[in-house]
Amino acid sequence: MASSIRKVAKEILGESKGFAPHQKESWWWNEEVQTKVKAKKECCKTIFKDRTDENGERYRIAKQEAKKAMRS
């Protein structure tokens, strides 16, 4: 019975080609939030290139600011 249900569902609905990467809904963010998130991403890139305490602290602060901006 399960195979017949799958067959009918496949004929009617079709098959997907896979899953798209998970995307956050960023289209509603205002300019302030977008700039904070962009700054956080830049800090993240620099921390991967050069792991220092200074870069880590800068990333942590940028991450906190981006979270605050998204909440408000």
PDB file of N, CA and C in Angstrom:
ATOM      1  N   MET A   1       0.819  -1.190   0.000  1.00  0.00           N
ATOM      2  CA  MET A   1       0.000   0.000   0.000  1.00  0.00           C
ATOM      3  C   MET A   1       0.868   1.262   0.000  1.00  0.00           C
ATOM      4  N   ALA A   2       1.933   1.248   0.771  1.00  0.00           N
ATOM      5  CA  ALA A   2       2.804   2.421   0.850  1.00  0.00           C
ATOM      6  C   ALA A   2       3.435   2.726  -0.497  1.00  0.00           C
ATOM      7  N   SER A   3       3.847   1.693  -1.208  1.00  0.00           N
ATOM      8  CA  SER A   3       4.478   1.926  -2.507  1.00  0.00           C
ATOM      9  C   SER A   3       3.486   2.508  -3.502  1.00  0.00           C
ATOM     10  N   SER A   4       2.234   2.079  -3.451  1.00  0.00           N
ATOM     11  CA  SER A   4       1.233   2.637  -4.372  1.00  0.00           C
ATOM     12  C   SER A   4       0.934   4.087  -4.033  1.00  0.00           C
ATOM     13  N   ILE A   5       0.928   4.434  -2.749  1.00  0.00           N
ATOM     14  CA  ILE A   5       0.721   5.836  -2.353  1.00  0.00           C
ATOM     15  C   ILE A   5       1.881   6.690  -2.855  1.00  0.00           C
ATOM     16  N   ARG A   6       3.113   6.197  -2.686  1.00  0.00           N
ATOM     17  CA  ARG A   6       4.283   6.941  -3.169  1.00  0.00           C
ATOM     18  C   ARG A   6       4.242   7.120  -4.683  1.00  0.00           C
ATOM     19  N   LYS A   7       3.817   6.085  -5.388  1.00  0.00           N
ATOM     20  CA  LYS A   7       3.755   6.135  -6.849  1.00  0.00           C
ATOM     21  C   LYS A   7       2.755   7.182  -7.306  1.00  0.00           C
ATOM     22  N   VAL A   8       1.566   7.186  -6.707  1.00  0.00           N
ATOM     23  CA  VAL A   8       0.532   8.170  -7.076  1.00  0.00           C
ATOM     24  C   VAL A   8       0.982   9.574  -6.711  1.00  0.00           C
ATOM     25  N   ALA A   9       1.583   9.726  -5.528  1.00  0.00           N
ATOM     26  CA  ALA A   9       2.068  11.037  -5.115  1.00  0.00           C
ATOM     27  C   ALA A   9       3.156  11.541  -6.058  1.00  0.00           C
ATOM     28  N   LYS A  10       4.033  10.642  -6.491  1.00  0.00           N
ATOM     29  CA  LYS A  10       5.105  11.019  -7.419  1.00  0.00           C
ATOM     30  C   LYS A  10       4.534  11.451  -8.763  1.00  0.00           C
ATOM     31  N   GLU A  11       3.491  10.760  -9.235  1.00  0.00           N
ATOM     32  CA  GLU A  11       2.857  11.124 -10.501  1.00  0.00           C
ATOM     33  C   GLU A  11       2.159  12.476 -10.404  1.00  0.00           C
ATOM     34  N   ILE A  12       1.488  12.720  -9.308  1.00  0.00           N
ATOM     35  CA  ILE A  12       0.716  13.959  -9.162  1.00  0.00           C
ATOM     36  C   ILE A  12       1.606  15.134  -8.796  1.00  0.00           C
ATOM     37  N   LEU A  13       2.450  14.942  -7.792  1.00  0.00           N
ATOM     38  CA  LEU A  13       3.242  16.061  -7.274  1.00  0.00           C
ATOM     39  C   LEU A  13       4.599  16.199  -7.940  1.00  0.00           C
ATOM     40  N   GLY A  14       5.140  15.139  -8.444  1.00  0.00           N
ATOM     41  CA  GLY A  14       6.465  15.183  -9.041  1.00  0.00           C
ATOM     42  C   GLY A  14       7.532  14.955  -7.992  1.00  0.00           C
ATOM     43  N   GLU A  15       8.787  15.097  -8.400  1.00  0.00           N
ATOM     44  CA  GLU A  15       9.911  14.885  -7.504  1.00  0.00           C
ATOM     45  C   GLU A  15      10.695  16.163  -7.370  1.00  0.00           C
ATOM     46  N   SER A  16      11.216  16.400  -6.175  1.00  0.00           N
ATOM     47  CA  SER A  16      12.087  17.552  -5.995  1.00  0.00           C
ATOM     48  C   SER A  16      13.508  17.140  -6.353  1.00  0.00           C
ATOM     49  N   LYS A  17      14.333  18.101  -6.677  1.00  0.00           N
ATOM     50  CA  LYS A  17      15.708  17.813  -7.061  1.00  0.00           C
ATOM     51  C   LYS A  17      16.645  17.909  -5.873  1.00  0.00           C
ATOM     52  N   GLY A  18      16.110  18.122  -4.700  1.00  0.00           N
ATOM     53  CA  GLY A  18      16.936  18.248  -3.501  1.00  0.00           C
ATOM     54  C   GLY A  18      16.512  19.462  -2.713  1.00  0.00           C
ATOM     55  N   PHE A  19      17.261  19.735  -1.697  1.00  0.00           N
ATOM     56  CA  PHE A  19      16.937  20.851  -0.824  1.00  0.00           C
ATOM     57  C   PHE A  19      17.836  22.032  -1.132  1.00  0.00           C
ATOM     58  N   ALA A  20      17.253  23.206  -1.081  1.00  0.00           N
ATOM     59  CA  ALA A  20      18.029  24.428  -1.238  1.00  0.00           C
ATOM     60  C   ALA A  20      18.718  24.715   0.090  1.00  0.00           C
ATOM     61  N   PRO A  21      19.823  25.423   0.073  1.00  0.00           N
ATOM     62  CA  PRO A  21      20.470  25.753   1.339  1.00  0.00           C
ATOM     63  C   PRO A  21      19.541  26.607   2.192  1.00  0.00           C
ATOM     64  N   HIS A  22      19.639  26.414   3.487  1.00  0.00           N
ATOM     65  CA  HIS A  22      18.786  27.145   4.410  1.00  0.00           C
ATOM     66  C   HIS A  22      19.130  28.627   4.357  1.00  0.00           C
ATOM     67  N   GLN A  23      18.148  29.437   4.063  1.00  0.00           N
ATOM     68  CA  GLN A  23      18.376  30.874   3.978  1.00  0.00           C
ATOM     69  C   GLN A  23      17.511  31.586   5.001  1.00  0.00           C
ATOM     70  N   LYS A  24      18.107  32.544   5.662  1.00  0.00           N
ATOM     71  CA  LYS A  24      17.357  33.340   6.614  1.00  0.00           C
ATOM     72  C   LYS A  24      16.598  34.411   5.856  1.00  0.00           C
ATOM     73  N   GLU A  25      15.495  34.797   6.395  1.00  0.00           N
ATOM     74  CA  GLU A  25      14.681  35.817   5.732  1.00  0.00           C
ATOM     75  C   GLU A  25      15.289  37.186   5.988  1.00  0.00           C
ATOM     76  N   SER A  26      16.136  37.616   5.105  1.00  0.00           N
ATOM     77  CA  SER A  26      16.821  38.897   5.295  1.00  0.00           C
ATOM     78  C   SER A  26      16.186  40.011   4.470  1.00  0.00           C
ATOM     79  N   TRP A  27      15.174  39.720   3.710  1.00  0.00           N
ATOM     80  CA  TRP A  27      14.596  40.736   2.836  1.00  0.00           C
ATOM     81  C   TRP A  27      13.880  41.819   3.625  1.00  0.00           C
ATOM     82  N   TRP A  28      13.458  41.540   4.844  1.00  0.00           N
ATOM     83  CA  TRP A  28      12.726  42.537   5.614  1.00  0.00           C
ATOM     84  C   TRP A  28      13.630  43.374   6.500  1.00  0.00           C
ATOM     85  N   TRP A  29      14.936  43.068   6.559  1.00  0.00           N
ATOM     86  CA  TRP A  29      15.847  43.815   7.416  1.00  0.00           C
ATOM     87  C   TRP A  29      16.012  45.239   6.901  1.00  0.00           C
ATOM     88  N   ASN A  30      16.069  46.179   7.835  1.00  0.00           N
ATOM     89  CA  ASN A  30      16.303  47.566   7.437  1.00  0.00           C
ATOM     90  C   ASN A  30      17.802  47.790   7.203  1.00  0.00           C
ATOM     91  N   GLU A  31      18.159  48.977   6.833  1.00  0.00           N
ATOM     92  CA  GLU A  31      19.543  49.292   6.471  1.00  0.00           C
ATOM     93  C   GLU A  31      20.494  49.088   7.647  1.00  0.00           C
ATOM     94  N   GLU A  32      20.063  49.470   8.855  1.00  0.00           N
ATOM     95  CA  GLU A  32      20.916  49.333  10.034  1.00  0.00           C
ATOM     96  C   GLU A  32      21.273  47.867  10.279  1.00  0.00           C
ATOM     97  N   VAL A  33      20.278  46.997  10.216  1.00  0.00           N
ATOM     98  CA  VAL A  33      20.518  45.575  10.457  1.00  0.00           C
ATOM     99  C   VAL A  33      21.422  45.006   9.377  1.00  0.00           C
ATOM    100  N   GLN A  34      21.195  45.386   8.141  1.00  0.00           N
ATOM    101  CA  GLN A  34      22.017  44.866   7.044  1.00  0.00           C
ATOM    102  C   GLN A  34      23.477  45.280   7.202  1.00  0.00           C
ATOM    103  N   THR A  35      23.719  46.516   7.630  1.00  0.00           N
ATOM    104  CA  THR A  35      25.106  46.955   7.807  1.00  0.00           C
ATOM    105  C   THR A  35      25.763  46.242   8.979  1.00  0.00           C
ATOM    106  N   LYS A  36      25.010  45.993  10.054  1.00  0.00           N
ATOM    107  CA  LYS A  36      25.577  45.286  11.209  1.00  0.00           C
ATOM    108  C   LYS A  36      25.916  43.839  10.844  1.00  0.00           C
ATOM    109  N   VAL A  37      25.048  43.188  10.085  1.00  0.00           N
ATOM    110  CA  VAL A  37      25.300  41.808   9.676  1.00  0.00           C
ATOM    111  C   VAL A  37      26.485  41.745   8.718  1.00  0.00           C
ATOM    112  N   LYS A  38      26.575  42.715   7.833  1.00  0.00           N
ATOM    113  CA  LYS A  38      27.704  42.754   6.902  1.00  0.00           C
ATOM    114  C   LYS A  38      29.028  42.954   7.656  1.00  0.00           C
ATOM    115  N   ALA A  39      29.009  43.819   8.683  1.00  0.00           N
ATOM    116  CA  ALA A  39      30.209  44.032   9.494  1.00  0.00           C
ATOM    117  C   ALA A  39      30.585  42.762  10.245  1.00  0.00           C
ATOM    118  N   LYS A  40      29.593  42.034  10.744  1.00  0.00           N
ATOM    119  CA  LYS A  40      29.850  40.778  11.450  1.00  0.00           C
ATOM    120  C   LYS A  40      30.479  39.758  10.506  1.00  0.00           C
ATOM    121  N   LYS A  41      29.977  39.688   9.278  1.00  0.00           N
ATOM    122  CA  LYS A  41      30.526  38.746   8.303  1.00  0.00           C
ATOM    123  C   LYS A  41      31.977  39.086   7.970  1.00  0.00           C
ATOM    124  N   GLU A  42      32.278  40.364   7.852  1.00  0.00           N
ATOM    125  CA  GLU A  42      33.652  40.776   7.576  1.00  0.00           C
ATOM    126  C   GLU A  42      34.571  40.403   8.733  1.00  0.00           C
ATOM    127  N   CYS A  43      34.092  40.596   9.972  1.00  0.00           N
ATOM    128  CA  CYS A  43      34.890  40.212  11.134  1.00  0.00           C
ATOM    129  C   CYS A  43      35.109  38.709  11.162  1.00  0.00           C
ATOM    130  N   CYS A  44      34.116  37.964  10.754  1.00  0.00           N
ATOM    131  CA  CYS A  44      34.233  36.512  10.717  1.00  0.00           C
ATOM    132  C   CYS A  44      35.300  36.093   9.706  1.00  0.00           C
ATOM    133  N   LYS A  45      35.329  36.747   8.575  1.00  0.00           N
ATOM    134  CA  LYS A  45      36.343  36.435   7.563  1.00  0.00           C
ATOM    135  C   LYS A  45      37.745  36.727   8.083  1.00  0.00           C
ATOM    136  N   THR A  46      37.898  37.856   8.799  1.00  0.00           N
ATOM    137  CA  THR A  46      39.225  38.204   9.300  1.00  0.00           C
ATOM    138  C   THR A  46      39.679  37.253  10.401  1.00  0.00           C
ATOM    139  N   ILE A  47      38.734  36.771  11.209  1.00  0.00           N
ATOM    140  CA  ILE A  47      39.132  35.851  12.282  1.00  0.00           C
ATOM    141  C   ILE A  47      39.581  34.507  11.708  1.00  0.00           C
ATOM    142  N   PHE A  48      39.024  34.090  10.579  1.00  0.00           N
ATOM    143  CA  PHE A  48      39.474  32.851   9.962  1.00  0.00           C
ATOM    144  C   PHE A  48      40.848  33.016   9.324  1.00  0.00           C
ATOM    145  N   LYS A  49      41.156  34.226   8.852  1.00  0.00           N
ATOM    146  CA  LYS A  49      42.470  34.464   8.254  1.00  0.00           C
ATOM    147  C   LYS A  49      43.551  34.616   9.318  1.00  0.00           C
ATOM    148  N   ASP A  50      43.204  35.327  10.410  1.00  0.00           N
ATOM    149  CA  ASP A  50      44.191  35.627  11.445  1.00  0.00           C
ATOM    150  C   ASP A  50      43.542  35.495  12.819  1.00  0.00           C
ATOM    151  N   ARG A  51      43.789  34.365  13.474  1.00  0.00           N
ATOM    152  CA  ARG A  51      43.169  34.106  14.783  1.00  0.00           C
ATOM    153  C   ARG A  51      43.985  34.782  15.887  1.00  0.00           C
ATOM    154  N   THR A  52      43.560  35.976  16.230  1.00  0.00           N
ATOM    155  CA  THR A  52      44.161  36.670  17.366  1.00  0.00           C
ATOM    156  C   THR A  52      43.058  37.014  18.342  1.00  0.00           C
ATOM    157  N   ASP A  53      43.446  37.330  19.565  1.00  0.00           N
ATOM    158  CA  ASP A  53      42.457  37.704  20.577  1.00  0.00           C
ATOM    159  C   ASP A  53      41.731  38.986  20.185  1.00  0.00           C
ATOM    160  N   GLU A  54      42.453  39.897  19.553  1.00  0.00           N
ATOM    161  CA  GLU A  54      41.855  41.173  19.137  1.00  0.00           C
ATOM    162  C   GLU A  54      40.755  40.941  18.091  1.00  0.00           C
ATOM    163  N   ASN A  55      41.041  40.089  17.102  1.00  0.00           N
ATOM    164  CA  ASN A  55      40.038  39.779  16.079  1.00  0.00           C
ATOM    165  C   ASN A  55      38.862  39.015  16.678  1.00  0.00           C
ATOM    166  N   GLY A  56      39.133  38.140  17.632  1.00  0.00           N
ATOM    167  CA  GLY A  56      38.068  37.395  18.291  1.00  0.00           C
ATOM    168  C   GLY A  56      37.134  38.316  19.061  1.00  0.00           C
ATOM    169  N   GLU A  57      37.713  39.268  19.755  1.00  0.00           N
ATOM    170  CA  GLU A  57      36.901  40.230  20.511  1.00  0.00           C
ATOM    171  C   GLU A  57      36.087  41.113  19.576  1.00  0.00           C
ATOM    172  N   ARG A  58      36.710  41.534  18.483  1.00  0.00           N
ATOM    173  CA  ARG A  58      36.002  42.365  17.505  1.00  0.00           C
ATOM    174  C   ARG A  58      34.815  41.607  16.905  1.00  0.00           C
ATOM    175  N   TYR A  59      35.014  40.313  16.620  1.00  0.00           N
ATOM    176  CA  TYR A  59      33.927  39.496  16.077  1.00  0.00           C
ATOM    177  C   TYR A  59      32.819  39.307  17.105  1.00  0.00           C
ATOM    178  N   ARG A  60      33.189  39.072  18.361  1.00  0.00           N
ATOM    179  CA  ARG A  60      32.194  38.861  19.414  1.00  0.00           C
ATOM    180  C   ARG A  60      31.320  40.097  19.597  1.00  0.00           C
ATOM    181  N   ILE A  61      31.930  41.271  19.573  1.00  0.00           N
ATOM    182  CA  ILE A  61      31.178  42.513  19.717  1.00  0.00           C
ATOM    183  C   ILE A  61      30.272  42.740  18.512  1.00  0.00           C
ATOM    184  N   ALA A  62      30.792  42.493  17.310  1.00  0.00           N
ATOM    185  CA  ALA A  62      29.988  42.668  16.097  1.00  0.00           C
ATOM    186  C   ALA A  62      28.810  41.703  16.093  1.00  0.00           C
ATOM    187  N   LYS A  63      29.027  40.490  16.581  1.00  0.00           N
ATOM    188  CA  LYS A  63      27.961  39.491  16.645  1.00  0.00           C
ATOM    189  C   LYS A  63      26.865  39.934  17.608  1.00  0.00           C
ATOM    190  N   GLN A  64      27.251  40.470  18.758  1.00  0.00           N
ATOM    191  CA  GLN A  64      26.279  40.962  19.729  1.00  0.00           C
ATOM    192  C   GLN A  64      25.477  42.127  19.165  1.00  0.00           C
ATOM    193  N   GLU A  65      26.157  43.039  18.479  1.00  0.00           N
ATOM    194  CA  GLU A  65      25.469  44.193  17.903  1.00  0.00           C
ATOM    195  C   GLU A  65      24.488  43.766  16.822  1.00  0.00           C
ATOM    196  N   ALA A  66      24.870  42.790  16.020  1.00  0.00           N
ATOM    197  CA  ALA A  66      23.972  42.304  14.963  1.00  0.00           C
ATOM    198  C   ALA A  66      22.737  41.648  15.578  1.00  0.00           C
ATOM    199  N   LYS A  67      22.917  40.885  16.638  1.00  0.00           N
ATOM    200  CA  LYS A  67      21.784  40.255  17.302  1.00  0.00           C
ATOM    201  C   LYS A  67      20.842  41.304  17.887  1.00  0.00           C
ATOM    202  N   LYS A  68      21.399  42.328  18.517  1.00  0.00           N
ATOM    203  CA  LYS A  68      20.584  43.406  19.087  1.00  0.00           C
ATOM    204  C   LYS A  68      19.793  44.123  18.007  1.00  0.00           C
ATOM    205  N   ALA A  69      20.443  44.373  16.878  1.00  0.00           N
ATOM    206  CA  ALA A  69      19.777  45.079  15.773  1.00  0.00           C
ATOM    207  C   ALA A  69      18.657  44.231  15.186  1.00  0.00           C
ATOM    208  N   MET A  70      18.838  42.914  15.124  1.00  0.00           N
ATOM    209  CA  MET A  70      17.798  42.038  14.577  1.00  0.00           C
ATOM    210  C   MET A  70      16.592  41.951  15.510  1.00  0.00           C
ATOM    211  N   ARG A  71      16.848  42.025  16.814  1.00  0.00           N
ATOM    212  CA  ARG A  71      15.749  41.951  17.778  1.00  0.00           C
ATOM    213  C   ARG A  71      14.894  43.196  17.806  1.00  0.00           C
ATOM    214  N   SER A  72      15.492  44.336  17.549  1.00  0.00           N
ATOM    215  CA  SER A  72      14.735  45.587  17.642  1.00  0.00           C
ATOM    216  C   SER A  72      14.001  45.957  16.383  1.00  0.00           C
TER     217      SER A  72
END
